[in-house]
Amino acid sequence: MTGRAQLVVSLAVLLAGTAAAVGLVLARPKAAQTSAEERPVPVRVVIALPADARPSLALSGTVEPARRANLQPEVQGRVVAVAPGLDPGVRVTKGQLIVRLDDVRMRAAVAARKAQVAQAELQVREEQTQRRVAEREWKGVELDPSAEAIALRRPHLASAQANLASARAQLAAARRDLAATRIVAPFDAIVLEKHVEVGEVVGPGVPILSLAGTDEAWVRLFVAPEDMRWIELPGPGRAGSPVTIVQADGTVRHGTVARALGSVERRGRQVQLLVRVPDPYDPPPDAGGAAAPLLDGAFVEATVEGRPLSSVYVLPARALVEGDAVWIVGPDDRLQRRPVEIVFRAKNRVFVGQGLEAGDRVVVSPVPTATEGMLVAPEPADAAPGPGGPAAGGARAEGEGA
């Protein structure tokens, strides 16, 4: 076979193999075309319901006595008696005798003043008698006014009456000095400091006791000026905002806002509020008798209830996304981004005024890849925790409708 014939045979074999391969490829069955299925993302939701609610301010402050007194003697004298057990921390009642001074000199002074009063009264009676005698003697005699006054002893009687008034005033002062030897508690109080013992000589300007009232205490709170609009100050016919006080040991007490001080605190530019708390040294009625007293200088946590708001939506703070908006689950279970108006922000929740409608399903669980129109599988926030972690809190508001 010539070379030309071999070339023809080789080309024929090659073409036959190529045709067979193309036939096999064309004859292979086509794979079924599939599209990626859209899977819903599980989310936790709460139902938005409008309600009347009260915002609350979480604050902290210190305790101070509503009434404090540093007792000093009004008169000088030697201490002859001190109430038994009178020590710091002891409670005393209003009118209780706590210190008694030697009163010998004061009693002597009272007796002397009584004698002066008696002498002055006698002088007045004598002058009155002499005036009546003079009126009979000078009856019908014409005298000029000045001579008549002397003849009828009018100046003498006026002088005697003035001496009597002075003697009586001095007797009253002597009796006050005598009473001042008995030092009593001016109000129900607890002893803070004691600086007196039997045998000491004390006098005006020498503090002997420091007392704090036990009827009520003040808690001084510091509030940002912009938050004052939420706080109700007392006025005619209205009480101040209710306040819940929590002590370091967990004891809970209740008070009310008494007043705002007249100037802001210089260092932090905060408004100072005084909260009135009754019976700080007694256990609260619901404490069962086991509670620490509300001591002067103690640090406490306080929650102030603000002015009520009408028809607001209270949501967990985690429901908010960037730009004061929330994700809403629409009727087709797809996400919708909804801008909202925040009227109050708290640590763990927000009060929404505008932007929601009753019945909206608000997403409260994190959705890192959330986009408008994303398909989701909503579950109630109070359902049992799923793979994503604990269930989110509800949207109930405090106050009416909560």
Protein backbone atom coordinates (compact mmCIF):
# COMPACT_ATOMS: atom_id res chain seq x y z
CA MET A 1 0.00 0.00 0.00
CA THR A 2 1.31 3.29 -1.03
CA GLY A 3 1.81 6.20 1.38
CA ARG A 4 -1.08 8.03 -0.15
CA ALA A 5 -3.41 5.12 0.56
CA GLN A 6 -2.19 4.86 4.20
CA LEU A 7 -2.93 8.57 4.73
CA VAL A 8 -6.47 8.13 3.45
CA VAL A 9 -7.07 5.16 5.73
CA SER A 10 -5.74 7.06 8.80
CA LEU A 11 -7.98 10.06 8.14
CA ALA A 12 -10.98 7.80 7.76
CA VAL A 13 -10.30 6.09 11.11
CA LEU A 14 -9.85 9.49 12.83
CA LEU A 15 -13.09 10.85 11.41
CA ALA A 16 -14.95 7.72 12.43
CA GLY A 17 -13.69 7.99 16.06
CA THR A 18 -14.60 11.67 16.26
CA ALA A 19 -18.10 10.99 14.96
CA ALA A 20 -18.58 8.21 17.53
CA ALA A 21 -17.49 10.47 20.41
CA VAL A 22 -19.81 13.28 19.33
CA GLY A 23 -22.65 10.78 19.10
CA LEU A 24 -22.03 9.53 22.61
CA VAL A 25 -22.06 13.08 24.01
CA LEU A 26 -25.24 14.00 22.21
CA ALA A 27 -26.93 10.78 23.28
CA ARG A 28 -26.17 11.34 27.06
CA PRO A 29 -29.39 12.09 29.05
CA LYS A 30 -29.64 15.75 30.27
CA ALA A 31 -29.52 16.39 34.03
CA ALA A 32 -32.69 17.90 35.53
CA GLN A 33 -32.24 21.64 36.14
CA THR A 34 -32.99 22.71 39.82
CA SER A 35 -33.30 26.12 41.43
CA ALA A 36 -32.14 27.00 44.99
CA GLU A 37 -35.14 26.88 47.37
CA GLU A 38 -35.71 30.07 49.57
CA ARG A 39 -35.58 29.05 53.23
CA PRO A 40 -37.27 31.25 55.90
CA VAL A 41 -35.10 32.61 58.73
CA PRO A 42 -36.51 31.97 62.22
CA VAL A 43 -37.15 35.16 64.22
CA ARG A 44 -38.79 36.03 67.55
CA VAL A 45 -41.58 38.62 67.54
CA VAL A 46 -43.84 40.49 69.96
CA ILE A 47 -47.26 41.89 69.14
CA ALA A 48 -47.35 45.68 69.35
CA LEU A 49 -50.24 46.83 71.53
CA PRO A 50 -50.85 50.47 72.52
CA ALA A 51 -51.26 51.12 76.24
CA ASP A 52 -51.08 53.87 78.85
CA ALA A 53 -47.68 53.55 80.50
CA ARG A 54 -45.32 55.31 82.88
CA PRO A 55 -41.68 55.78 81.99
CA SER A 56 -39.30 55.24 84.90
CA LEU A 57 -35.91 56.78 85.64
CA ALA A 58 -33.20 54.63 87.22
CA LEU A 59 -31.15 56.88 89.52
CA SER A 60 -28.91 56.65 92.58
CA GLY A 61 -28.39 58.90 95.55
CA THR A 62 -27.54 59.28 99.22
CA VAL A 63 -29.62 59.43 102.39
CA GLU A 64 -29.74 62.40 104.75
CA PRO A 65 -31.97 63.29 107.71
CA ALA A 66 -35.01 65.39 106.95
CA ARG A 67 -34.49 67.04 110.36
CA ARG A 68 -31.23 67.42 112.22
CA ALA A 69 -30.57 69.28 115.49
CA ASN A 70 -27.39 70.12 117.38
CA LEU A 71 -28.58 70.70 120.94
CA GLN A 72 -26.91 73.40 123.03
CA PRO A 73 -27.88 74.54 126.55
CA GLU A 74 -29.58 77.93 126.78
CA VAL A 75 -28.10 78.51 130.25
CA GLN A 76 -24.83 77.68 131.92
CA GLY A 77 -24.78 74.99 134.55
CA ARG A 78 -23.34 71.74 135.80
CA VAL A 79 -24.77 68.51 134.38
CA VAL A 80 -26.44 66.56 137.19
CA ALA A 81 -28.25 63.89 135.16
CA VAL A 82 -28.14 62.25 131.72
CA ALA A 83 -30.85 59.90 130.45
CA PRO A 84 -29.87 56.27 131.08
CA GLY A 85 -28.32 54.61 128.03
CA LEU A 86 -28.07 57.85 126.10
CA ASP A 87 -25.45 56.90 123.49
CA PRO A 88 -25.06 57.27 119.71
CA GLY A 89 -27.62 55.10 117.93
CA VAL A 90 -30.19 55.27 120.74
CA ARG A 91 -33.65 56.56 119.84
CA VAL A 92 -35.41 59.22 121.91
CA THR A 93 -38.99 60.47 121.78
CA LYS A 94 -40.28 64.00 121.54
CA GLY A 95 -40.38 65.67 124.98
CA GLN A 96 -38.17 63.04 126.64
CA LEU A 97 -35.82 64.45 129.31
CA ILE A 98 -32.28 63.70 128.14
CA VAL A 99 -30.04 66.08 130.15
CA ARG A 100 -30.67 67.97 133.41
CA LEU A 101 -28.56 70.84 134.74
CA ASP A 102 -28.16 72.06 138.32
CA ASP A 103 -31.09 74.44 138.85
CA VAL A 104 -30.37 75.88 142.31
CA ARG A 105 -29.40 79.32 141.01
CA MET A 106 -32.37 79.36 138.63
CA ARG A 107 -34.83 78.56 141.41
CA ALA A 108 -33.35 81.31 143.53
CA ALA A 109 -33.68 83.74 140.63
CA VAL A 110 -37.34 82.79 140.17
CA ALA A 111 -38.03 83.37 143.87
CA ALA A 112 -36.35 86.81 143.72
CA ARG A 113 -38.33 87.81 140.66
CA LYS A 114 -41.56 86.72 142.34
CA ALA A 115 -40.72 89.03 145.24
CA GLN A 116 -40.13 91.89 142.83
CA VAL A 117 -43.48 91.25 141.19
CA ALA A 118 -45.22 91.24 144.55
CA GLN A 119 -43.53 94.53 145.51
CA ALA A 120 -44.47 96.09 142.17
CA GLU A 121 -48.08 94.96 142.50
CA LEU A 122 -48.20 96.52 145.97
CA GLN A 123 -46.82 99.77 144.60
CA VAL A 124 -49.47 99.84 141.87
CA ARG A 125 -52.26 99.29 144.43
CA GLU A 126 -50.89 102.06 146.63
CA GLU A 127 -50.74 104.48 143.74
CA GLN A 128 -54.27 103.59 142.71
CA THR A 129 -55.45 104.30 146.27
CA GLN A 130 -53.60 107.61 146.44
CA ARG A 131 -55.05 108.60 143.08
CA ARG A 132 -58.59 108.06 144.33
CA VAL A 133 -57.82 110.15 147.43
CA ALA A 134 -56.33 112.94 145.27
CA GLU A 135 -59.35 112.95 142.98
CA ARG A 136 -61.63 113.63 146.00
CA GLU A 137 -59.31 116.31 147.40
CA TRP A 138 -58.91 118.20 144.15
CA LYS A 139 -62.49 117.85 143.04
CA GLY A 140 -63.82 121.18 141.79
CA VAL A 141 -60.42 122.88 141.74
CA GLU A 142 -59.38 124.36 138.39
CA LEU A 143 -55.82 123.31 137.46
CA ASP A 144 -53.81 123.46 134.25
CA PRO A 145 -53.35 120.04 132.58
CA SER A 146 -49.77 119.46 133.75
CA ALA A 147 -50.55 120.43 137.34
CA GLU A 148 -53.67 118.30 137.30
CA ALA A 149 -51.69 115.24 136.15
CA ILE A 150 -49.25 115.68 139.06
CA ALA A 151 -51.99 116.38 141.57
CA LEU A 152 -53.90 113.27 140.55
CA ARG A 153 -50.66 111.17 140.60
CA ARG A 154 -51.07 109.94 137.06
CA PRO A 155 -47.29 109.78 136.33
CA HIS A 156 -46.75 107.96 139.64
CA LEU A 157 -49.31 105.33 138.73
CA ALA A 158 -47.86 104.92 135.21
CA SER A 159 -44.37 104.44 136.69
CA ALA A 160 -45.65 101.83 139.13
CA GLN A 161 -47.45 99.96 136.34
CA ALA A 162 -44.27 100.01 134.20
CA ASN A 163 -42.26 98.62 137.11
CA LEU A 164 -44.83 95.84 137.48
CA ALA A 165 -44.63 94.97 133.79
CA SER A 166 -40.83 94.85 134.00
CA ALA A 167 -40.92 92.65 137.11
CA ARG A 168 -43.32 90.25 135.46
CA ALA A 169 -41.13 90.06 132.32
CA GLN A 170 -38.08 89.32 134.47
CA LEU A 171 -40.02 86.62 136.30
CA ALA A 172 -40.99 85.04 132.96
CA ALA A 173 -37.33 85.09 131.86
CA ALA A 174 -36.25 83.51 135.13
CA ARG A 175 -38.83 80.77 134.69
CA ARG A 176 -37.59 80.14 131.12
CA ASP A 177 -34.03 79.84 132.44
CA LEU A 178 -35.26 77.39 135.06
CA ALA A 179 -37.06 75.34 132.40
CA ALA A 180 -33.91 75.44 130.23
CA THR A 181 -32.09 73.38 132.86
CA ARG A 182 -34.19 70.46 131.64
CA ILE A 183 -33.08 69.64 128.09
CA VAL A 184 -35.64 67.52 126.22
CA ALA A 185 -35.76 65.96 122.75
CA PRO A 186 -37.40 68.42 120.33
CA PHE A 187 -38.75 65.60 118.13
CA ASP A 188 -38.61 61.84 117.73
CA ALA A 189 -34.97 61.26 116.91
CA ILE A 190 -31.91 59.05 117.00
CA VAL A 191 -28.70 60.18 118.70
CA LEU A 192 -25.90 60.75 116.20
CA GLU A 193 -23.27 62.22 118.53
CA LYS A 194 -22.99 62.73 122.28
CA HIS A 195 -20.67 65.26 123.94
CA VAL A 196 -21.89 65.44 127.53
CA GLU A 197 -21.36 63.60 130.80
CA VAL A 198 -22.51 64.08 134.40
CA GLY A 199 -20.36 66.62 136.23
CA GLU A 200 -19.42 68.70 133.21
CA VAL A 201 -20.17 72.40 133.13
CA VAL A 202 -21.89 73.36 129.90
CA GLY A 203 -23.39 76.53 128.55
CA PRO A 204 -24.61 78.38 125.45
CA GLY A 205 -22.51 77.69 122.37
CA VAL A 206 -21.39 74.25 123.61
CA PRO A 207 -23.00 71.40 121.56
CA ILE A 208 -23.91 68.45 123.74
CA LEU A 209 -25.99 66.25 121.40
CA SER A 210 -26.54 65.78 117.67
CA LEU A 211 -29.92 64.31 116.72
CA ALA A 212 -31.53 63.12 113.48
CA GLY A 213 -35.29 62.88 113.10
CA THR A 214 -36.81 59.41 112.73
CA ASP A 215 -40.17 60.43 111.25
CA GLU A 216 -38.79 60.75 107.72
CA ALA A 217 -35.56 60.91 105.74
CA TRP A 218 -34.54 62.49 102.47
CA VAL A 219 -32.83 60.78 99.58
CA ARG A 220 -30.89 63.23 97.42
CA LEU A 221 -30.99 62.23 93.74
CA PHE A 222 -29.25 63.75 90.73
CA VAL A 223 -31.26 64.01 87.51
CA ALA A 224 -30.26 65.17 84.04
CA PRO A 225 -32.08 68.44 83.25
CA GLU A 226 -33.66 66.97 80.11
CA ASP A 227 -35.28 64.21 82.21
CA MET A 228 -37.05 66.63 84.54
CA ARG A 229 -40.01 66.80 82.14
CA TRP A 230 -40.92 63.26 83.19
CA ILE A 231 -40.96 63.99 86.95
CA GLU A 232 -44.03 65.27 88.78
CA LEU A 233 -43.23 67.83 91.46
CA PRO A 234 -45.74 68.26 94.30
CA GLY A 235 -48.18 71.13 94.14
CA PRO A 236 -51.70 72.12 95.17
CA GLY A 237 -53.85 69.01 95.00
CA ARG A 238 -51.13 66.72 93.62
CA ALA A 239 -48.36 64.60 95.08
CA GLY A 240 -44.86 64.18 93.73
CA SER A 241 -43.81 61.24 91.57
CA PRO A 242 -43.67 57.88 93.39
CA VAL A 243 -40.15 56.59 94.06
CA THR A 244 -38.97 53.08 94.89
CA ILE A 245 -35.81 52.96 97.03
CA VAL A 246 -33.58 49.86 97.14
CA GLN A 247 -30.98 49.64 99.90
CA ALA A 248 -27.69 47.77 99.72
CA ASP A 249 -29.19 44.79 101.60
CA GLY A 250 -32.12 44.62 99.18
CA THR A 251 -34.66 46.28 101.47
CA VAL A 252 -37.27 48.10 99.39
CA ARG A 253 -38.88 51.31 100.61
CA HIS A 254 -41.30 53.73 98.99
CA GLY A 255 -41.23 57.50 98.94
CA THR A 256 -42.33 60.52 96.91
CA VAL A 257 -40.56 63.42 95.28
CA ALA A 258 -40.64 66.31 97.76
CA ARG A 259 -38.96 69.11 95.81
CA ALA A 260 -36.24 70.10 93.38
CA LEU A 261 -33.51 72.31 94.77
CA GLY A 262 -33.21 75.81 93.39
CA SER A 263 -29.96 75.34 91.49
CA VAL A 264 -28.15 72.67 89.47
CA GLU A 265 -25.21 70.81 90.94
CA ARG A 266 -22.08 72.67 89.83
CA ARG A 267 -19.77 69.79 88.96
CA GLY A 268 -22.11 67.57 86.96
CA ARG A 269 -24.73 70.19 86.02
CA GLN A 270 -27.42 67.88 87.38
CA VAL A 271 -30.73 68.81 89.00
CA GLN A 272 -30.95 67.78 92.66
CA LEU A 273 -34.17 66.11 93.82
CA LEU A 274 -35.19 65.45 97.42
CA VAL A 275 -37.30 62.34 97.95
CA ARG A 276 -39.27 61.98 101.18
CA VAL A 277 -39.12 58.50 102.73
CA PRO A 278 -41.24 57.87 105.87
CA ASP A 279 -40.04 55.97 108.95
CA PRO A 280 -36.45 55.36 107.77
CA TYR A 281 -35.41 53.55 110.96
CA ASP A 282 -38.37 51.15 111.03
CA PRO A 283 -38.80 48.07 108.82
CA PRO A 284 -41.15 48.60 105.86
CA PRO A 285 -44.63 47.12 106.38
CA ASP A 286 -43.96 44.34 103.86
CA ALA A 287 -40.46 43.48 105.16
CA GLY A 288 -41.64 41.15 107.89
CA GLY A 289 -39.56 42.90 110.56
CA ALA A 290 -36.18 41.99 109.05
CA ALA A 291 -34.74 45.03 107.32
CA ALA A 292 -31.81 47.38 107.79
CA PRO A 293 -32.58 50.99 108.72
CA LEU A 294 -32.15 53.72 106.12
CA LEU A 295 -29.04 55.29 107.61
CA ASP A 296 -27.67 58.78 107.15
CA GLY A 297 -25.11 58.81 104.33
CA ALA A 298 -26.14 55.45 102.85
CA PHE A 299 -25.97 54.97 99.07
CA VAL A 300 -29.21 53.69 97.51
CA GLU A 301 -30.70 52.91 94.12
CA ALA A 302 -33.93 54.67 93.19
CA THR A 303 -36.57 54.26 90.48
CA VAL A 304 -38.69 57.34 89.86
CA GLU A 305 -42.01 56.81 88.11
CA GLY A 306 -42.53 59.48 85.46
CA ARG A 307 -45.58 61.23 84.10
CA PRO A 308 -48.03 58.81 82.41
CA LEU A 309 -48.04 58.52 78.62
CA SER A 310 -51.14 57.61 76.62
CA SER A 311 -51.30 55.05 73.79
CA VAL A 312 -47.63 54.24 73.46
CA TYR A 313 -45.93 51.00 72.45
CA VAL A 314 -43.39 49.65 74.94
CA LEU A 315 -40.80 47.45 73.25
CA PRO A 316 -37.60 45.75 74.32
CA ALA A 317 -34.65 48.00 73.49
CA ARG A 318 -33.12 45.22 71.40
CA ALA A 319 -35.98 45.60 68.90
CA LEU A 320 -34.42 48.85 67.66
CA VAL A 321 -32.10 48.84 64.67
CA GLU A 322 -29.92 51.63 63.34
CA GLY A 323 -31.74 54.86 62.64
CA ASP A 324 -34.56 54.44 65.19
CA ALA A 325 -36.36 51.78 63.20
CA VAL A 326 -37.71 48.27 63.77
CA TRP A 327 -38.25 45.22 61.60
CA ILE A 328 -41.90 44.30 61.08
CA VAL A 329 -43.05 40.89 59.84
CA GLY A 330 -45.62 41.54 57.14
CA PRO A 331 -48.68 39.42 56.28
CA ASP A 332 -46.57 37.41 53.81
CA ASP A 333 -43.96 36.68 56.51
CA ARG A 334 -41.44 39.01 54.89
CA LEU A 335 -39.46 41.72 56.68
CA GLN A 336 -40.41 45.39 56.45
CA ARG A 337 -38.21 48.14 57.87
CA ARG A 338 -40.35 50.65 59.79
CA PRO A 339 -39.03 54.01 61.12
CA VAL A 340 -40.50 54.84 64.55
CA GLU A 341 -40.67 57.86 66.89
CA ILE A 342 -39.02 57.18 70.27
CA VAL A 343 -40.59 59.26 73.05
CA PHE A 344 -38.65 57.72 75.95
CA ARG A 345 -35.57 55.53 76.21
CA ALA A 346 -34.82 53.34 79.21
CA LYS A 347 -32.04 50.85 79.82
CA ASN A 348 -33.90 47.79 78.53
CA ARG A 349 -36.92 49.20 76.73
CA VAL A 350 -38.18 52.04 74.58
CA PHE A 351 -41.51 53.85 74.36
CA VAL A 352 -42.69 54.30 70.77
CA GLY A 353 -45.16 57.07 69.97
CA GLN A 354 -45.54 56.96 66.19
CA GLY A 355 -44.70 54.44 63.47
CA LEU A 356 -46.47 51.31 64.69
CA GLU A 357 -49.99 49.99 64.43
CA ALA A 358 -51.83 47.74 66.84
CA GLY A 359 -51.15 44.12 66.00
CA ASP A 360 -47.82 44.68 64.21
CA ARG A 361 -45.40 41.82 64.68
CA VAL A 362 -42.13 43.40 65.80
CA VAL A 363 -38.89 41.42 65.54
CA VAL A 364 -36.98 41.36 68.85
CA SER A 365 -34.31 38.77 68.03
CA PRO A 366 -31.10 39.67 66.16
CA VAL A 367 -31.11 39.07 62.41
CA PRO A 368 -27.55 39.85 61.22
CA THR A 369 -28.36 39.62 57.50
CA ALA A 370 -31.80 41.23 57.64
CA THR A 371 -32.92 42.80 54.37
CA GLU A 372 -36.16 44.27 53.12
CA GLY A 373 -38.41 41.46 51.87
CA MET A 374 -36.48 38.63 53.54
CA LEU A 375 -38.66 35.57 54.21
CA VAL A 376 -38.82 34.72 57.91
CA ALA A 377 -40.47 32.19 60.19
CA PRO A 378 -41.89 34.23 63.13
CA GLU A 379 -42.26 32.68 66.57
CA PRO A 380 -43.72 34.32 69.72
CA ALA A 381 -41.01 35.85 71.88
CA ASP A 382 -42.34 34.11 74.98
CA ALA A 383 -42.12 30.67 73.34
CA ALA A 384 -39.66 28.08 74.55
CA PRO A 385 -36.06 28.98 73.68
CA GLY A 386 -34.98 27.60 70.33
CA PRO A 387 -31.54 27.02 68.83
CA GLY A 388 -30.96 30.76 68.70
CA GLY A 389 -30.91 31.17 72.52
CA PRO A 390 -33.35 32.36 75.19
CA ALA A 391 -36.66 33.82 74.23
CA ALA A 392 -36.97 37.58 74.01
CA GLY A 393 -39.04 39.59 76.46
CA GLY A 394 -42.59 40.69 75.72
CA ALA A 395 -43.85 44.11 74.73
CA ARG A 396 -46.11 44.67 77.69
CA ALA A 397 -46.09 48.19 79.05
CA GLU A 398 -46.19 49.11 82.70
CA GLY A 399 -49.32 50.87 83.89
CA GLU A 400 -52.80 50.55 82.52
CA GLY A 401 -53.12 47.87 79.91
CA ALA A 402 -49.97 46.17 81.12
